[in-house]
Amino acid sequence: MVKQALVNQAEDFGDRDITPVLSELNQGHGILFANGDSWKEKRLFALTDLRDFGMGKILSKEKILKEIHYLIEVFVQYRYLYTVVVELA
């Protein structure tokens, strides 16, 4: 009976349960707490961009590591102005 309700009324039961606090904080923005068509649109956009960036390819790891090293250099230049750089092991 429960399975039948979930299958036959998927639109009513398909959304994520979001607490009022989270709803107030994100105000319907972002992919993590979106529902329905908004979630589908944001998910498609994010996956497309990640694929364009190279997600799932070996090169993506190298690109990410290169960006991380660049960010660390920038953080070190402004060491005590805005942030503390934690040494990566």
PDB file of N, CA and C in Angstrom:
ATOM      1  N   MET A   1       0.819  -1.187   0.000  1.00  0.00           N
ATOM      2  CA  MET A   1       0.000   0.000   0.000  1.00  0.00           C
ATOM      3  C   MET A   1       0.875   1.269   0.000  1.00  0.00           C
ATOM      4  N   VAL A   2       1.921   1.281   0.823  1.00  0.00           N
ATOM      5  CA  VAL A   2       2.819   2.431   0.861  1.00  0.00           C
ATOM      6  C   VAL A   2       3.547   2.567  -0.473  1.00  0.00           C
ATOM      7  N   LYS A   3       4.041   1.447  -0.994  1.00  0.00           N
ATOM      8  CA  LYS A   3       4.747   1.465  -2.277  1.00  0.00           C
ATOM      9  C   LYS A   3       3.835   1.990  -3.378  1.00  0.00           C
ATOM     10  N   GLN A   4       2.602   1.545  -3.365  1.00  0.00           N
ATOM     11  CA  GLN A   4       1.639   1.973  -4.380  1.00  0.00           C
ATOM     12  C   GLN A   4       1.406   3.484  -4.292  1.00  0.00           C
ATOM     13  N   ALA A   5       1.295   4.006  -3.077  1.00  0.00           N
ATOM     14  CA  ALA A   5       1.101   5.447  -2.905  1.00  0.00           C
ATOM     15  C   ALA A   5       2.325   6.220  -3.389  1.00  0.00           C
ATOM     16  N   LEU A   6       3.515   5.715  -3.074  1.00  0.00           N
ATOM     17  CA  LEU A   6       4.737   6.398  -3.495  1.00  0.00           C
ATOM     18  C   LEU A   6       4.905   6.388  -5.009  1.00  0.00           C
ATOM     19  N   VAL A   7       4.509   5.296  -5.653  1.00  0.00           N
ATOM     20  CA  VAL A   7       4.635   5.188  -7.103  1.00  0.00           C
ATOM     21  C   VAL A   7       3.554   5.996  -7.805  1.00  0.00           C
ATOM     22  N   ASN A   8       2.324   5.853  -7.374  1.00  0.00           N
ATOM     23  CA  ASN A   8       1.202   6.512  -8.045  1.00  0.00           C
ATOM     24  C   ASN A   8       1.130   8.007  -7.756  1.00  0.00           C
ATOM     25  N   GLN A   9       1.667   8.431  -6.629  1.00  0.00           N
ATOM     26  CA  GLN A   9       1.620   9.849  -6.257  1.00  0.00           C
ATOM     27  C   GLN A   9       3.042  10.382  -6.048  1.00  0.00           C
ATOM     28  N   ALA A  10       3.909  10.063  -6.976  1.00  0.00           N
ATOM     29  CA  ALA A  10       5.326  10.417  -6.850  1.00  0.00           C
ATOM     30  C   ALA A  10       5.538  11.920  -6.711  1.00  0.00           C
ATOM     31  N   GLU A  11       4.730  12.717  -7.381  1.00  0.00           N
ATOM     32  CA  GLU A  11       4.875  14.172  -7.297  1.00  0.00           C
ATOM     33  C   GLU A  11       4.643  14.680  -5.879  1.00  0.00           C
ATOM     34  N   ASP A  12       3.727  14.047  -5.165  1.00  0.00           N
ATOM     35  CA  ASP A  12       3.424  14.468  -3.796  1.00  0.00           C
ATOM     36  C   ASP A  12       4.499  14.043  -2.803  1.00  0.00           C
ATOM     37  N   PHE A  13       5.167  12.921  -3.077  1.00  0.00           N
ATOM     38  CA  PHE A  13       6.133  12.375  -2.134  1.00  0.00           C
ATOM     39  C   PHE A  13       7.583  12.535  -2.594  1.00  0.00           C
ATOM     40  N   GLY A  14       7.809  13.093  -3.756  1.00  0.00           N
ATOM     41  CA  GLY A  14       9.144  13.142  -4.327  1.00  0.00           C
ATOM     42  C   GLY A  14      10.047  14.227  -3.783  1.00  0.00           C
ATOM     43  N   ASP A  15       9.493  15.277  -3.210  1.00  0.00           N
ATOM     44  CA  ASP A  15      10.319  16.381  -2.726  1.00  0.00           C
ATOM     45  C   ASP A  15      11.041  16.022  -1.440  1.00  0.00           C
ATOM     46  N   ARG A  16      12.116  16.740  -1.195  1.00  0.00           N
ATOM     47  CA  ARG A  16      12.879  16.554   0.033  1.00  0.00           C
ATOM     48  C   ARG A  16      12.213  17.328   1.157  1.00  0.00           C
ATOM     49  N   ASP A  17      12.339  16.796   2.341  1.00  0.00           N
ATOM     50  CA  ASP A  17      11.801  17.478   3.515  1.00  0.00           C
ATOM     51  C   ASP A  17      12.820  18.505   3.991  1.00  0.00           C
ATOM     52  N   ILE A  18      12.445  19.761   3.944  1.00  0.00           N
ATOM     53  CA  ILE A  18      13.351  20.832   4.338  1.00  0.00           C
ATOM     54  C   ILE A  18      12.784  21.521   5.567  1.00  0.00           C
ATOM     55  N   THR A  19      13.616  21.652   6.583  1.00  0.00           N
ATOM     56  CA  THR A  19      13.173  22.304   7.809  1.00  0.00           C
ATOM     57  C   THR A  19      12.967  23.792   7.553  1.00  0.00           C
ATOM     58  N   PRO A  20      12.096  24.422   8.323  1.00  0.00           N
ATOM     59  CA  PRO A  20      11.856  25.860   8.143  1.00  0.00           C
ATOM     60  C   PRO A  20      13.123  26.708   8.278  1.00  0.00           C
ATOM     61  N   VAL A  21      14.037  26.302   9.153  1.00  0.00           N
ATOM     62  CA  VAL A  21      15.278  27.064   9.324  1.00  0.00           C
ATOM     63  C   VAL A  21      16.092  27.051   8.028  1.00  0.00           C
ATOM     64  N   LEU A  22      16.264  25.866   7.434  1.00  0.00           N
ATOM     65  CA  LEU A  22      17.016  25.775   6.180  1.00  0.00           C
ATOM     66  C   LEU A  22      16.295  26.500   5.052  1.00  0.00           C
ATOM     67  N   SER A  23      14.995  26.409   5.041  1.00  0.00           N
ATOM     68  CA  SER A  23      14.208  27.094   4.021  1.00  0.00           C
ATOM     69  C   SER A  23      14.411  28.602   4.111  1.00  0.00           C
ATOM     70  N   GLU A  24      14.453  29.118   5.332  1.00  0.00           N
ATOM     71  CA  GLU A  24      14.657  30.549   5.541  1.00  0.00           C
ATOM     72  C   GLU A  24      16.082  30.961   5.159  1.00  0.00           C
ATOM     73  N   LEU A  25      17.049  30.106   5.460  1.00  0.00           N
ATOM     74  CA  LEU A  25      18.450  30.434   5.176  1.00  0.00           C
ATOM     75  C   LEU A  25      18.753  30.483   3.685  1.00  0.00           C
ATOM     76  N   ASN A  26      18.292  29.491   2.942  1.00  0.00           N
ATOM     77  CA  ASN A  26      18.670  29.447   1.525  1.00  0.00           C
ATOM     78  C   ASN A  26      17.655  30.118   0.617  1.00  0.00           C
ATOM     79  N   GLN A  27      16.469  30.360   1.087  1.00  0.00           N
ATOM     80  CA  GLN A  27      15.415  31.072   0.353  1.00  0.00           C
ATOM     81  C   GLN A  27      15.221  30.528  -1.059  1.00  0.00           C
ATOM     82  N   GLY A  28      15.291  29.206  -1.190  1.00  0.00           N
ATOM     83  CA  GLY A  28      15.030  28.572  -2.474  1.00  0.00           C
ATOM     84  C   GLY A  28      16.205  28.549  -3.431  1.00  0.00           C
ATOM     85  N   HIS A  29      17.356  29.024  -2.983  1.00  0.00           N
ATOM     86  CA  HIS A  29      18.543  29.052  -3.840  1.00  0.00           C
ATOM     87  C   HIS A  29      19.415  27.837  -3.562  1.00  0.00           C
ATOM     88  N   GLY A  30      20.250  27.502  -4.514  1.00  0.00           N
ATOM     89  CA  GLY A  30      21.204  26.417  -4.326  1.00  0.00           C
ATOM     90  C   GLY A  30      20.665  25.079  -4.771  1.00  0.00           C
ATOM     91  N   ILE A  31      21.573  24.138  -4.954  1.00  0.00           N
ATOM     92  CA  ILE A  31      21.198  22.822  -5.465  1.00  0.00           C
ATOM     93  C   ILE A  31      20.905  21.828  -4.346  1.00  0.00           C
ATOM     94  N   LEU A  32      21.503  22.029  -3.185  1.00  0.00           N
ATOM     95  CA  LEU A  32      21.372  21.046  -2.110  1.00  0.00           C
ATOM     96  C   LEU A  32      19.955  20.914  -1.569  1.00  0.00           C
ATOM     97  N   PHE A  33      19.247  22.007  -1.469  1.00  0.00           N
ATOM     98  CA  PHE A  33      17.928  21.955  -0.854  1.00  0.00           C
ATOM     99  C   PHE A  33      16.802  22.302  -1.822  1.00  0.00           C
ATOM    100  N   ALA A  34      17.094  22.285  -3.111  1.00  0.00           N
ATOM    101  CA  ALA A  34      16.071  22.572  -4.112  1.00  0.00           C
ATOM    102  C   ALA A  34      15.184  21.347  -4.313  1.00  0.00           C
ATOM    103  N   ASN A  35      14.008  21.564  -4.862  1.00  0.00           N
ATOM    104  CA  ASN A  35      13.056  20.491  -5.134  1.00  0.00           C
ATOM    105  C   ASN A  35      12.448  20.653  -6.519  1.00  0.00           C
ATOM    106  N   GLY A  36      11.897  19.572  -7.007  1.00  0.00           N
ATOM    107  CA  GLY A  36      11.115  19.600  -8.237  1.00  0.00           C
ATOM    108  C   GLY A  36      11.886  20.059  -9.458  1.00  0.00           C
ATOM    109  N   ASP A  37      11.203  20.867 -10.283  1.00  0.00           N
ATOM    110  CA  ASP A  37      11.796  21.339 -11.536  1.00  0.00           C
ATOM    111  C   ASP A  37      13.026  22.206 -11.294  1.00  0.00           C
ATOM    112  N   SER A  38      12.984  22.996 -10.223  1.00  0.00           N
ATOM    113  CA  SER A  38      14.133  23.836  -9.883  1.00  0.00           C
ATOM    114  C   SER A  38      15.362  22.977  -9.630  1.00  0.00           C
ATOM    115  N   TRP A  39      15.195  21.884  -8.883  1.00  0.00           N
ATOM    116  CA  TRP A  39      16.306  20.970  -8.605  1.00  0.00           C
ATOM    117  C   TRP A  39      16.821  20.334  -9.887  1.00  0.00           C
ATOM    118  N   LYS A  40      15.912  19.882 -10.742  1.00  0.00           N
ATOM    119  CA  LYS A  40      16.315  19.240 -11.995  1.00  0.00           C
ATOM    120  C   LYS A  40      17.126  20.198 -12.865  1.00  0.00           C
ATOM    121  N   GLU A  41      16.668  21.443 -12.943  1.00  0.00           N
ATOM    122  CA  GLU A  41      17.356  22.440 -13.764  1.00  0.00           C
ATOM    123  C   GLU A  41      18.747  22.746 -13.200  1.00  0.00           C
ATOM    124  N   LYS A  42      18.834  22.934 -11.891  1.00  0.00           N
ATOM    125  CA  LYS A  42      20.122  23.246 -11.262  1.00  0.00           C
ATOM    126  C   LYS A  42      21.078  22.062 -11.343  1.00  0.00           C
ATOM    127  N   ARG A  43      20.559  20.858 -11.185  1.00  0.00           N
ATOM    128  CA  ARG A  43      21.387  19.657 -11.261  1.00  0.00           C
ATOM    129  C   ARG A  43      21.964  19.497 -12.671  1.00  0.00           C
ATOM    130  N   LEU A  44      21.120  19.668 -13.678  1.00  0.00           N
ATOM    131  CA  LEU A  44      21.580  19.554 -15.062  1.00  0.00           C
ATOM    132  C   LEU A  44      22.663  20.589 -15.366  1.00  0.00           C
ATOM    133  N   PHE A  45      22.431  21.816 -14.921  1.00  0.00           N
ATOM    134  CA  PHE A  45      23.408  22.884 -15.126  1.00  0.00           C
ATOM    135  C   PHE A  45      24.742  22.535 -14.459  1.00  0.00           C
ATOM    136  N   ALA A  46      24.694  22.078 -13.207  1.00  0.00           N
ATOM    137  CA  ALA A  46      25.916  21.741 -12.468  1.00  0.00           C
ATOM    138  C   ALA A  46      26.658  20.578 -13.123  1.00  0.00           C
ATOM    139  N   LEU A  47      25.944  19.539 -13.498  1.00  0.00           N
ATOM    140  CA  LEU A  47      26.595  18.384 -14.120  1.00  0.00           C
ATOM    141  C   LEU A  47      27.221  18.739 -15.464  1.00  0.00           C
ATOM    142  N   THR A  48      26.524  19.569 -16.232  1.00  0.00           N
ATOM    143  CA  THR A  48      27.055  20.003 -17.526  1.00  0.00           C
ATOM    144  C   THR A  48      28.345  20.792 -17.331  1.00  0.00           C
ATOM    145  N   ASP A  49      28.335  21.717 -16.380  1.00  0.00           N
ATOM    146  CA  ASP A  49      29.539  22.508 -16.119  1.00  0.00           C
ATOM    147  C   ASP A  49      30.675  21.644 -15.599  1.00  0.00           C
ATOM    148  N   LEU A  50      30.363  20.697 -14.724  1.00  0.00           N
ATOM    149  CA  LEU A  50      31.409  19.821 -14.201  1.00  0.00           C
ATOM    150  C   LEU A  50      32.000  18.950 -15.305  1.00  0.00           C
ATOM    151  N   ARG A  51      31.162  18.478 -16.215  1.00  0.00           N
ATOM    152  CA  ARG A  51      31.670  17.681 -17.338  1.00  0.00           C
ATOM    153  C   ARG A  51      32.566  18.531 -18.232  1.00  0.00           C
ATOM    154  N   ASP A  52      32.139  19.783 -18.477  1.00  0.00           N
ATOM    155  CA  ASP A  52      32.955  20.686 -19.288  1.00  0.00           C
ATOM    156  C   ASP A  52      34.303  20.952 -18.624  1.00  0.00           C
ATOM    157  N   PHE A  53      34.302  20.990 -17.299  1.00  0.00           N
ATOM    158  CA  PHE A  53      35.538  21.220 -16.556  1.00  0.00           C
ATOM    159  C   PHE A  53      36.433  19.987 -16.580  1.00  0.00           C
ATOM    160  N   GLY A  54      35.836  18.821 -16.817  1.00  0.00           N
ATOM    161  CA  GLY A  54      36.632  17.610 -16.919  1.00  0.00           C
ATOM    162  C   GLY A  54      36.319  16.563 -15.874  1.00  0.00           C
ATOM    163  N   MET A  55      35.173  16.665 -15.219  1.00  0.00           N
ATOM    164  CA  MET A  55      34.820  15.686 -14.198  1.00  0.00           C
ATOM    165  C   MET A  55      34.829  14.279 -14.792  1.00  0.00           C
ATOM    166  N   GLY A  56      35.437  13.373 -14.082  1.00  0.00           N
ATOM    167  CA  GLY A  56      35.476  11.997 -14.530  1.00  0.00           C
ATOM    168  C   GLY A  56      36.674  11.672 -15.399  1.00  0.00           C
ATOM    169  N   LYS A  57      37.452  12.668 -15.702  1.00  0.00           N
ATOM    170  CA  LYS A  57      38.644  12.455 -16.515  1.00  0.00           C
ATOM    171  C   LYS A  57      39.880  12.544 -15.623  1.00  0.00           C
ATOM    172  N   ILE A  58      40.925  11.905 -16.035  1.00  0.00           N
ATOM    173  CA  ILE A  58      42.167  11.932 -15.264  1.00  0.00           C
ATOM    174  C   ILE A  58      42.709  13.360 -15.179  1.00  0.00           C
ATOM    175  N   LEU A  59      42.522  14.125 -16.231  1.00  0.00           N
ATOM    176  CA  LEU A  59      43.037  15.487 -16.253  1.00  0.00           C
ATOM    177  C   LEU A  59      42.395  16.370 -15.197  1.00  0.00           C
ATOM    178  N   SER A  60      41.182  16.053 -14.772  1.00  0.00           N
ATOM    179  CA  SER A  60      40.512  16.901 -13.796  1.00  0.00           C
ATOM    180  C   SER A  60      41.291  16.948 -12.492  1.00  0.00           C
ATOM    181  N   LYS A  61      41.889  15.841 -12.087  1.00  0.00           N
ATOM    182  CA  LYS A  61      42.690  15.820 -10.863  1.00  0.00           C
ATOM    183  C   LYS A  61      43.868  16.772 -10.994  1.00  0.00           C
ATOM    184  N   GLU A  62      44.527  16.735 -12.126  1.00  0.00           N
ATOM    185  CA  GLU A  62      45.671  17.613 -12.347  1.00  0.00           C
ATOM    186  C   GLU A  62      45.253  19.082 -12.356  1.00  0.00           C
ATOM    187  N   LYS A  63      44.116  19.384 -12.968  1.00  0.00           N
ATOM    188  CA  LYS A  63      43.619  20.762 -12.993  1.00  0.00           C
ATOM    189  C   LYS A  63      43.306  21.251 -11.590  1.00  0.00           C
ATOM    190  N   ILE A  64      42.667  20.400 -10.804  1.00  0.00           N
ATOM    191  CA  ILE A  64      42.300  20.776  -9.440  1.00  0.00           C
ATOM    192  C   ILE A  64      43.552  21.011  -8.602  1.00  0.00           C
ATOM    193  N   LEU A  65      44.537  20.121  -8.704  1.00  0.00           N
ATOM    194  CA  LEU A  65      45.777  20.292  -7.950  1.00  0.00           C
ATOM    195  C   LEU A  65      46.504  21.571  -8.354  1.00  0.00           C
ATOM    196  N   LYS A  66      46.487  21.890  -9.643  1.00  0.00           N
ATOM    197  CA  LYS A  66      47.120  23.120 -10.119  1.00  0.00           C
ATOM    198  C   LYS A  66      46.424  24.340  -9.514  1.00  0.00           C
ATOM    199  N   GLU A  67      45.104  24.328  -9.500  1.00  0.00           N
ATOM    200  CA  GLU A  67      44.348  25.439  -8.918  1.00  0.00           C
ATOM    201  C   GLU A  67      44.592  25.555  -7.416  1.00  0.00           C
ATOM    202  N   ILE A  68      44.692  24.416  -6.738  1.00  0.00           N
ATOM    203  CA  ILE A  68      44.941  24.433  -5.295  1.00  0.00           C
ATOM    204  C   ILE A  68      46.288  25.084  -5.002  1.00  0.00           C
ATOM    205  N   HIS A  69      47.309  24.701  -5.761  1.00  0.00           N
ATOM    206  CA  HIS A  69      48.634  25.287  -5.543  1.00  0.00           C
ATOM    207  C   HIS A  69      48.627  26.786  -5.821  1.00  0.00           C
ATOM    208  N   TYR A  70      47.898  27.208  -6.838  1.00  0.00           N
ATOM    209  CA  TYR A  70      47.784  28.634  -7.126  1.00  0.00           C
ATOM    210  C   TYR A  70      47.109  29.356  -5.962  1.00  0.00           C
ATOM    211  N   LEU A  71      46.027  28.800  -5.443  1.00  0.00           N
ATOM    212  CA  LEU A  71      45.331  29.422  -4.317  1.00  0.00           C
ATOM    213  C   LEU A  71      46.215  29.500  -3.080  1.00  0.00           C
ATOM    214  N   ILE A  72      46.972  28.449  -2.829  1.00  0.00           N
ATOM    215  CA  ILE A  72      47.873  28.462  -1.673  1.00  0.00           C
ATOM    216  C   ILE A  72      48.900  29.583  -1.815  1.00  0.00           C
ATOM    217  N   GLU A  73      49.439  29.768  -3.019  1.00  0.00           N
ATOM    218  CA  GLU A  73      50.393  30.857  -3.246  1.00  0.00           C
ATOM    219  C   GLU A  73      49.762  32.215  -2.954  1.00  0.00           C
ATOM    220  N   VAL A  74      48.540  32.403  -3.401  1.00  0.00           N
ATOM    221  CA  VAL A  74      47.844  33.668  -3.149  1.00  0.00           C
ATOM    222  C   VAL A  74      47.598  33.852  -1.657  1.00  0.00           C
ATOM    223  N   PHE A  75      47.161  32.790  -0.981  1.00  0.00           N
ATOM    224  CA  PHE A  75      46.918  32.884   0.457  1.00  0.00           C
ATOM    225  C   PHE A  75      48.200  33.219   1.218  1.00  0.00           C
ATOM    226  N   VAL A  76      49.307  32.627   0.809  1.00  0.00           N
ATOM    227  CA  VAL A  76      50.579  32.878   1.489  1.00  0.00           C
ATOM    228  C   VAL A  76      51.002  34.336   1.297  1.00  0.00           C
ATOM    229  N   GLN A  77      50.739  34.906   0.129  1.00  0.00           N
ATOM    230  CA  GLN A  77      51.083  36.308  -0.119  1.00  0.00           C
ATOM    231  C   GLN A  77      50.344  37.235   0.835  1.00  0.00           C
ATOM    232  N   TYR A  78      49.110  36.889   1.150  1.00  0.00           N
ATOM    233  CA  TYR A  78      48.288  37.715   2.032  1.00  0.00           C
ATOM    234  C   TYR A  78      48.087  37.002   3.369  1.00  0.00           C
ATOM    235  N   ARG A  79      49.131  36.383   3.840  1.00  0.00           N
ATOM    236  CA  ARG A  79      49.089  35.444   4.952  1.00  0.00           C
ATOM    237  C   ARG A  79      48.253  35.915   6.133  1.00  0.00           C
ATOM    238  N   TYR A  80      48.513  37.074   6.664  1.00  0.00           N
ATOM    239  CA  TYR A  80      47.852  37.459   7.901  1.00  0.00           C
ATOM    240  C   TYR A  80      46.756  38.500   7.687  1.00  0.00           C
ATOM    241  N   LEU A  81      46.449  38.791   6.445  1.00  0.00           N
ATOM    242  CA  LEU A  81      45.413  39.788   6.199  1.00  0.00           C
ATOM    243  C   LEU A  81      44.011  39.211   6.329  1.00  0.00           C
ATOM    244  N   TYR A  82      43.765  38.069   5.700  1.00  0.00           N
ATOM    245  CA  TYR A  82      42.404  37.561   5.637  1.00  0.00           C
ATOM    246  C   TYR A  82      42.235  36.131   6.132  1.00  0.00           C
ATOM    247  N   THR A  83      43.255  35.326   6.046  1.00  0.00           N
ATOM    248  CA  THR A  83      43.073  33.909   6.335  1.00  0.00           C
ATOM    249  C   THR A  83      44.365  33.297   6.860  1.00  0.00           C
ATOM    250  N   VAL A  84      44.245  32.156   7.436  1.00  0.00           N
ATOM    251  CA  VAL A  84      45.405  31.402   7.894  1.00  0.00           C
ATOM    252  C   VAL A  84      45.536  30.198   6.979  1.00  0.00           C
ATOM    253  N   VAL A  85      46.707  30.003   6.427  1.00  0.00           N
ATOM    254  CA  VAL A  85      46.933  28.877   5.531  1.00  0.00           C
ATOM    255  C   VAL A  85      47.371  27.680   6.354  1.00  0.00           C
ATOM    256  N   VAL A  86      46.686  26.576   6.166  1.00  0.00           N
ATOM    257  CA  VAL A  86      47.040  25.340   6.846  1.00  0.00           C
ATOM    258  C   VAL A  86      47.912  24.539   5.901  1.00  0.00           C
ATOM    259  N   GLU A  87      49.043  24.091   6.385  1.00  0.00           N
ATOM    260  CA  GLU A  87      49.952  23.327   5.541  1.00  0.00           C
ATOM    261  C   GLU A  87      49.330  21.988   5.204  1.00  0.00           C
ATOM    262  N   LEU A  88      49.316  21.658   3.917  1.00  0.00           N
ATOM    263  CA  LEU A  88      48.746  20.398   3.461  1.00  0.00           C
ATOM    264  C   LEU A  88      49.786  19.304   3.542  1.00  0.00           C
ATOM    265  N   ALA A  89      49.363  18.132   3.988  1.00  0.00           N
ATOM    266  CA  ALA A  89      50.293  17.004   4.112  1.00  0.00           C
ATOM    267  C   ALA A  89      50.405  16.264   2.811  1.00  0.00           C
TER     268      ALA A  89
END
